[in-house]
Protein backbone atom coordinates (compact mmCIF):
# COMPACT_ATOMS: atom_id res chain seq x y z
CA MET A 1 -23.99 42.39 16.17
CA THR A 2 -20.99 41.05 17.99
CA SER A 3 -17.86 40.81 15.85
CA THR A 4 -15.15 38.22 16.39
CA HIS A 5 -11.56 38.80 15.48
CA ALA A 6 -8.77 36.23 15.05
CA PRO A 7 -6.05 36.57 17.67
CA SER A 8 -3.14 38.63 16.52
CA VAL A 9 0.06 36.82 15.62
CA GLY A 10 2.24 38.12 18.44
CA ARG A 11 -0.41 38.25 21.14
CA THR A 12 0.17 36.63 24.52
CA PRO A 13 -2.43 33.92 25.04
CA THR A 14 -5.06 34.55 27.69
CA PRO A 15 -5.54 32.17 30.60
CA ALA A 16 -8.53 30.71 28.78
CA GLU A 17 -6.32 29.67 25.91
CA PRO A 18 -3.99 26.72 26.78
CA ARG A 19 -0.36 27.15 25.80
CA PRO A 20 0.53 24.85 22.87
CA THR A 21 2.94 22.10 23.90
CA ALA A 22 5.17 19.80 21.85
CA PRO A 23 4.05 16.19 21.42
CA ARG A 24 5.26 14.00 24.26
CA PHE A 25 6.81 11.26 22.14
CA ARG A 26 10.50 11.90 22.74
CA GLN A 27 10.72 10.46 26.23
CA PRO A 28 9.05 7.10 25.40
CA ARG A 29 11.31 6.80 22.36
CA ARG A 30 14.38 7.46 24.47
CA ASP A 31 13.24 4.89 27.00
CA ALA A 32 12.69 2.33 24.22
CA ALA A 33 16.15 3.03 22.81
CA ARG A 34 17.71 2.56 26.26
CA LEU A 35 15.83 -0.72 26.72
CA ALA A 36 16.94 -1.92 23.28
CA LYS A 37 20.60 -1.12 24.08
CA ALA A 38 20.30 -2.83 27.45
CA GLY A 39 18.80 -5.90 25.78
CA ALA A 40 21.56 -5.96 23.18
CA TRP A 41 24.25 -5.80 25.86
CA ALA A 42 22.44 -8.51 27.84
CA ARG A 43 22.58 -10.80 24.80
CA ARG A 44 26.21 -9.99 24.00
CA ALA A 45 27.57 -10.07 27.55
CA PRO A 46 27.90 -13.91 27.68
CA LEU A 47 30.03 -13.73 24.51
CA LEU A 48 32.53 -11.26 25.95
CA PRO A 49 34.73 -13.87 27.71
CA ALA A 50 34.99 -15.87 24.48
CA LEU A 51 35.79 -12.70 22.53
CA ILE A 52 38.48 -11.69 25.01
CA PHE A 53 39.93 -15.20 24.86
CA VAL A 54 40.05 -15.17 21.04
CA ILE A 55 41.72 -11.76 21.01
CA ALA A 56 44.27 -12.89 23.60
CA VAL A 57 45.05 -16.10 21.73
CA THR A 58 45.15 -14.76 18.16
CA GLN A 59 45.56 -11.00 17.98
CA VAL A 60 48.03 -10.43 20.81
CA PRO A 61 50.58 -12.91 19.37
CA PHE A 62 50.11 -11.36 15.93
CA VAL A 63 50.81 -7.88 17.29
CA ILE A 64 53.92 -9.23 19.01
CA THR A 65 54.98 -10.83 15.71
CA ILE A 66 54.62 -7.48 13.95
CA VAL A 67 56.77 -5.79 16.59
CA VAL A 68 59.45 -8.50 16.36
CA SER A 69 59.46 -8.23 12.55
CA PHE A 70 60.94 -4.72 12.90
CA ILE A 71 63.78 -5.96 15.14
CA ASN A 72 67.08 -7.46 14.03
CA TRP A 73 66.95 -10.34 16.48
CA ASN A 74 69.05 -13.47 16.14
CA SER A 75 69.41 -15.50 19.31
CA LEU A 76 72.87 -16.64 18.18
CA TYR A 77 74.02 -13.01 18.49
CA PRO A 78 72.31 -11.74 21.67
CA ASN A 79 74.44 -8.59 21.81
CA ASP A 80 73.33 -7.36 18.36
CA ILE A 81 69.60 -7.01 19.00
CA ALA A 82 68.35 -3.65 17.69
CA PHE A 83 65.51 -2.06 15.75
CA GLY A 84 66.07 -2.56 12.05
CA TRP A 85 62.74 -1.16 10.92
CA PHE A 86 62.12 -2.56 7.41
CA ASP A 87 65.41 -4.44 7.06
CA ASN A 88 63.76 -7.81 7.65
CA TYR A 89 61.08 -7.13 5.04
CA VAL A 90 63.71 -6.09 2.52
CA ASN A 91 65.57 -9.30 3.31
CA VAL A 92 62.45 -11.37 2.62
CA PHE A 93 62.16 -9.97 -0.90
CA THR A 94 65.88 -9.90 -1.72
CA ASP A 95 67.12 -13.16 -0.20
CA ALA A 96 67.45 -15.90 -2.84
CA THR A 97 66.15 -18.60 -0.51
CA MET A 98 63.07 -16.57 0.37
CA ARG A 99 62.34 -15.77 -3.27
CA ALA A 100 62.66 -19.46 -4.18
CA SER A 101 60.26 -20.40 -1.38
CA VAL A 102 57.75 -17.80 -2.59
CA VAL A 103 57.89 -19.23 -6.12
CA THR A 104 57.51 -22.77 -4.76
CA THR A 105 54.52 -21.67 -2.68
CA ILE A 106 52.82 -20.15 -5.73
CA VAL A 107 53.49 -23.19 -7.93
CA LEU A 108 52.33 -25.59 -5.22
CA THR A 109 49.17 -23.62 -4.48
CA VAL A 110 48.15 -23.12 -8.12
CA ALA A 111 48.75 -26.76 -9.07
CA VAL A 112 46.90 -28.20 -6.07
CA VAL A 113 43.95 -25.81 -6.37
CA LEU A 114 43.44 -26.28 -10.12
CA VAL A 115 43.74 -30.07 -10.11
CA SER A 116 41.60 -30.38 -6.96
CA LEU A 117 38.94 -28.19 -8.57
CA MET A 118 38.92 -30.31 -11.71
CA PHE A 119 38.64 -33.62 -9.83
CA GLY A 120 36.19 -32.10 -7.35
CA LEU A 121 33.90 -30.95 -10.16
CA LEU A 122 33.99 -34.36 -11.87
CA ILE A 123 33.19 -36.19 -8.63
CA ALA A 124 30.45 -33.66 -7.76
CA LEU A 125 28.83 -34.22 -11.17
CA LEU A 126 28.85 -37.98 -10.54
CA LEU A 127 27.50 -37.70 -6.99
CA ASP A 128 24.76 -35.33 -8.14
CA ARG A 129 23.14 -38.25 -9.96
CA LYS A 130 20.85 -40.67 -8.17
CA PHE A 131 22.17 -44.21 -7.76
CA LEU A 132 22.10 -47.00 -5.19
CA GLY A 133 24.47 -46.35 -2.30
CA ARG A 134 25.06 -42.69 -3.09
CA GLY A 135 25.16 -41.76 0.60
CA VAL A 136 27.86 -44.36 1.32
CA VAL A 137 29.93 -43.20 -1.65
CA ARG A 138 29.68 -39.56 -0.50
CA THR A 139 30.92 -40.52 2.96
CA ILE A 140 33.85 -42.43 1.48
CA MET A 141 34.76 -39.53 -0.79
CA ILE A 142 34.77 -37.08 2.12
CA ALA A 143 37.02 -39.30 4.26
CA PRO A 144 40.42 -38.04 2.95
CA PHE A 145 39.59 -34.50 4.06
CA LEU A 146 38.92 -35.74 7.60
CA VAL A 147 42.31 -37.42 7.98
CA VAL A 148 44.86 -35.57 10.13
CA PRO A 149 47.28 -33.82 7.69
CA VAL A 150 50.42 -35.32 9.27
CA ALA A 151 48.90 -38.80 9.21
CA ALA A 152 47.92 -38.37 5.55
CA ALA A 153 51.44 -37.24 4.66
CA LEU A 154 52.94 -40.23 6.51
CA VAL A 155 50.65 -42.62 4.61
CA TRP A 156 51.75 -41.16 1.28
CA LYS A 157 55.43 -41.16 2.23
CA HIS A 158 55.67 -44.70 3.60
CA ALA A 159 52.65 -46.71 2.40
CA LEU A 160 52.58 -45.38 -1.17
CA TYR A 161 55.88 -43.76 -2.17
CA ASN A 162 58.40 -46.06 -0.46
CA PRO A 163 60.53 -47.71 -3.21
CA GLU A 164 60.90 -51.00 -1.32
CA TYR A 165 57.48 -51.77 0.13
CA GLY A 166 55.24 -48.95 -1.15
CA LEU A 167 51.93 -49.63 -2.88
CA PHE A 168 52.90 -47.89 -6.13
CA ASN A 169 55.99 -50.01 -6.74
CA GLY A 170 54.08 -53.08 -5.59
CA ALA A 171 51.42 -52.38 -8.21
CA LEU A 172 54.12 -51.98 -10.87
CA THR A 173 55.68 -55.29 -9.84
CA TRP A 174 52.32 -57.06 -10.08
CA PHE A 175 51.45 -55.49 -13.47
CA PHE A 176 54.80 -56.24 -15.10
CA GLY A 177 54.74 -59.72 -13.57
CA LEU A 178 51.65 -60.52 -15.65
CA PHE A 179 53.84 -60.26 -18.74
CA GLY A 180 56.92 -61.87 -17.20
CA ALA A 181 58.88 -58.62 -17.23
CA THR A 182 60.96 -56.90 -14.58
CA ALA A 183 59.16 -53.90 -13.14
CA PRO A 184 60.91 -50.58 -12.59
CA GLN A 185 61.13 -49.49 -8.97
CA PRO A 186 61.37 -45.68 -9.03
CA ASP A 187 62.02 -43.59 -5.97
CA TRP A 188 58.96 -41.38 -6.31
CA ILE A 189 59.96 -38.69 -3.83
CA THR A 190 63.54 -38.33 -5.08
CA ASN A 191 62.61 -38.31 -8.76
CA ASN A 192 59.58 -35.98 -8.48
CA PRO A 193 59.64 -34.31 -5.06
CA LEU A 194 57.28 -31.40 -5.74
CA ILE A 195 54.80 -33.59 -7.62
CA ALA A 196 54.90 -36.05 -4.70
CA VAL A 197 53.85 -33.27 -2.29
CA GLU A 198 51.23 -31.97 -4.72
CA ALA A 199 49.67 -35.43 -5.17
CA ALA A 200 49.26 -35.87 -1.42
CA LEU A 201 47.65 -32.43 -1.08
CA ILE A 202 45.37 -33.01 -4.09
CA TRP A 203 44.15 -36.28 -2.56
CA GLN A 204 43.33 -34.48 0.69
CA TRP A 205 41.75 -31.31 -0.73
CA THR A 206 39.67 -32.75 -3.58
CA PRO A 207 36.84 -33.72 -1.15
CA PHE A 208 36.74 -30.13 0.13
CA MET A 209 36.29 -28.82 -3.40
CA MET A 210 33.75 -31.53 -4.13
CA LEU A 211 31.57 -30.55 -1.15
CA ILE A 212 31.37 -26.91 -2.21
CA LEU A 213 30.73 -27.72 -5.87
CA LEU A 214 28.14 -30.37 -5.00
CA ALA A 215 26.26 -27.76 -2.98
CA GLY A 216 26.35 -25.49 -6.03
CA LEU A 217 25.06 -28.23 -8.32
CA GLN A 218 22.16 -28.99 -6.01
CA SER A 219 21.14 -25.32 -5.94
CA ARG A 220 20.46 -25.24 -9.69
CA PRO A 221 16.86 -24.48 -10.71
CA LEU A 222 15.55 -27.91 -11.72
CA ASP A 223 12.59 -26.54 -13.65
CA VAL A 224 14.89 -24.61 -15.98
CA LEU A 225 17.04 -27.69 -16.56
CA GLU A 226 13.97 -29.79 -17.30
CA ALA A 227 12.73 -27.15 -19.75
CA ALA A 228 16.09 -27.22 -21.53
CA ARG A 229 15.91 -31.02 -21.85
CA VAL A 230 12.38 -30.80 -23.23
CA ASP A 231 13.60 -28.25 -25.80
CA GLY A 232 16.18 -30.76 -27.02
CA ALA A 233 19.35 -29.49 -25.35
CA SER A 234 22.08 -32.12 -25.02
CA ALA A 235 23.85 -32.93 -21.77
CA TRP A 236 26.98 -31.05 -22.94
CA GLN A 237 24.94 -27.97 -23.92
CA ILE A 238 23.22 -27.95 -20.52
CA PHE A 239 26.61 -28.24 -18.79
CA ARG A 240 28.29 -25.64 -21.00
CA TYR A 241 25.62 -22.95 -21.11
CA MET A 242 23.70 -23.49 -17.86
CA THR A 243 25.68 -25.45 -15.27
CA LEU A 244 29.07 -23.75 -15.69
CA PRO A 245 27.72 -20.17 -15.53
CA HIS A 246 25.73 -21.12 -12.43
CA MET A 247 28.82 -22.73 -10.88
CA GLN A 248 31.11 -19.76 -11.46
CA ARG A 249 30.69 -18.32 -7.95
CA TYR A 250 31.08 -21.71 -6.33
CA LEU A 251 34.24 -22.42 -8.31
CA GLU A 252 35.65 -19.05 -7.24
CA LEU A 253 34.74 -19.69 -3.60
CA ALA A 254 36.32 -23.16 -3.60
CA ALA A 255 39.49 -21.84 -5.26
CA LEU A 256 39.83 -18.95 -2.82
CA LEU A 257 39.22 -21.02 0.31
CA GLY A 258 41.55 -23.73 -0.92
CA SER A 259 44.25 -21.16 -1.65
CA ILE A 260 44.00 -19.73 1.88
CA TYR A 261 44.75 -23.10 3.43
CA ILE A 262 47.26 -24.46 0.91
CA VAL A 263 49.37 -21.30 1.00
CA GLN A 264 49.87 -21.98 4.71
CA ASN A 265 50.49 -25.71 4.32
CA PHE A 266 53.43 -27.01 6.33
CA ASP A 267 52.61 -30.61 7.24
CA ALA A 268 53.03 -32.24 3.81
CA VAL A 269 56.28 -30.46 2.98
CA PHE A 270 57.79 -31.15 6.40
CA THR A 271 56.71 -34.81 6.52
CA ILE A 272 57.30 -35.97 2.93
CA THR A 273 60.44 -34.11 1.85
CA ALA A 274 61.57 -32.13 4.93
CA GLY A 275 61.79 -29.10 2.65
CA GLY A 276 64.52 -30.63 0.52
CA LEU A 277 64.85 -31.06 -3.24
CA GLY A 278 63.35 -27.65 -3.97
CA THR A 279 60.06 -28.21 -2.11
CA ALA A 280 60.54 -25.68 0.70
CA ASN A 281 57.55 -23.34 0.59
CA LEU A 282 57.25 -20.13 2.55
CA PRO A 283 55.82 -21.66 5.78
CA TYR A 284 58.63 -24.22 5.84
CA THR A 285 61.24 -21.51 5.21
CA ILE A 286 59.78 -19.54 8.12
CA TYR A 287 60.16 -22.65 10.26
CA GLN A 288 63.82 -22.93 9.20
CA GLN A 289 64.47 -19.26 9.89
CA PHE A 290 62.93 -19.45 13.34
CA PHE A 291 63.91 -22.85 14.74
CA GLN A 292 67.12 -23.62 12.86
CA ALA A 293 68.68 -20.26 12.01
CA HIS A 294 67.17 -18.64 15.13
CA ASP A 295 66.55 -15.45 13.15
CA TYR A 296 63.38 -14.33 14.88
CA GLY A 297 63.10 -10.99 13.09
CA ALA A 298 63.31 -12.37 9.55
CA ALA A 299 60.96 -15.25 10.39
CA SER A 300 58.41 -12.83 11.87
CA ALA A 301 58.58 -10.58 8.79
CA ALA A 302 57.98 -13.54 6.49
CA GLY A 303 55.10 -14.67 8.71
CA VAL A 304 53.48 -11.23 8.54
CA ILE A 305 53.72 -11.33 4.74
CA VAL A 306 52.02 -14.75 4.66
CA VAL A 307 49.22 -13.47 6.91
CA ILE A 308 48.71 -10.37 4.75
CA GLY A 309 48.55 -12.51 1.62
CA SER A 310 46.04 -14.84 3.28
CA LEU A 311 43.91 -11.88 4.37
CA ILE A 312 43.85 -10.53 0.82
CA ILE A 313 42.66 -13.91 -0.48
CA ALA A 314 40.16 -14.16 2.38
CA ASN A 315 38.75 -10.75 1.46
CA PHE A 316 37.97 -11.99 -2.05
CA ALA A 317 36.45 -15.16 -0.56
CA LEU A 318 34.16 -13.13 1.72
CA ARG A 319 33.03 -11.00 -1.22
CA THR A 320 32.22 -14.16 -3.16
CA VAL A 321 30.24 -15.55 -0.21
CA SER A 322 28.30 -12.30 0.15
CA THR A 323 27.48 -12.35 -3.58
CA LEU A 324 26.23 -15.94 -3.29
CA LEU A 325 24.03 -15.05 -0.32
CA LYS A 326 22.55 -12.08 -2.19
CA GLU A 327 21.77 -14.27 -5.18
CA GLU A 328 20.13 -16.91 -2.96
CA ASN A 329 17.91 -14.29 -1.29
CA ARG A 330 16.57 -12.91 -4.54
């Protein structure tokens, strides 16, 4: 009988036994990875000129602004230019004019955002209903947001607020004339300067809020709403316990996006009041520091602070958008 034995563990294989080799999968995988990278670069290469242009237009000036913010640089005193490090930032937070402009910016932003949100939600609720001519009404309601900001501010300043020929005083004259009385002719900008600026901004930004909130209303699950109506829920109960919780993210998104833009608003303040009567917000004060006082360092420091604040708000806005997208994909 012939006996067979298993090859020993450390034995060198004979020529009859082929040497075991590793699977030949690594090279094709490496080739596929190289092809994928090459394809990705081929798709991104046409975007590189646009990316370089955006960096050159936006980021390079911002870096220069940061550098200037650390320099004590007033063009009226060309011999006193020197690095001051954080002196300009300290001046922003200690100067009475800067502090007043920061407070004005906060008051202006909060008032405009809250009132615009309220009006935007009411208009969105109305436009969410079906009625004849709804498309035309939507277009008309969006129109104020499409007007150039300077043109809108000029319309409010001259066509509406003017005490001699403005629409508001004209309406008062007509109304009091019905009763044979003499109408008051207030100077709207002088008597209520900050409210005058806020009203113009609310008129322009309410359509923006309305668009976002209308999109949120139209994303509600209609079957759930119909089930609630069948179960006897009133319109107020549906709004209070179903619509408002669903609209929370959209309200947050509208408030954050509106805050980003209104914090940086310059046109309305410059056009309607020229920063007078306590309406100078931070962007207008930066304009005064740069173009009137010629203090480039202090103006740059204030500008950097505005950008940082806007980025913080934008970060919350992006988180809200990402949460909305996750909820929509579920």
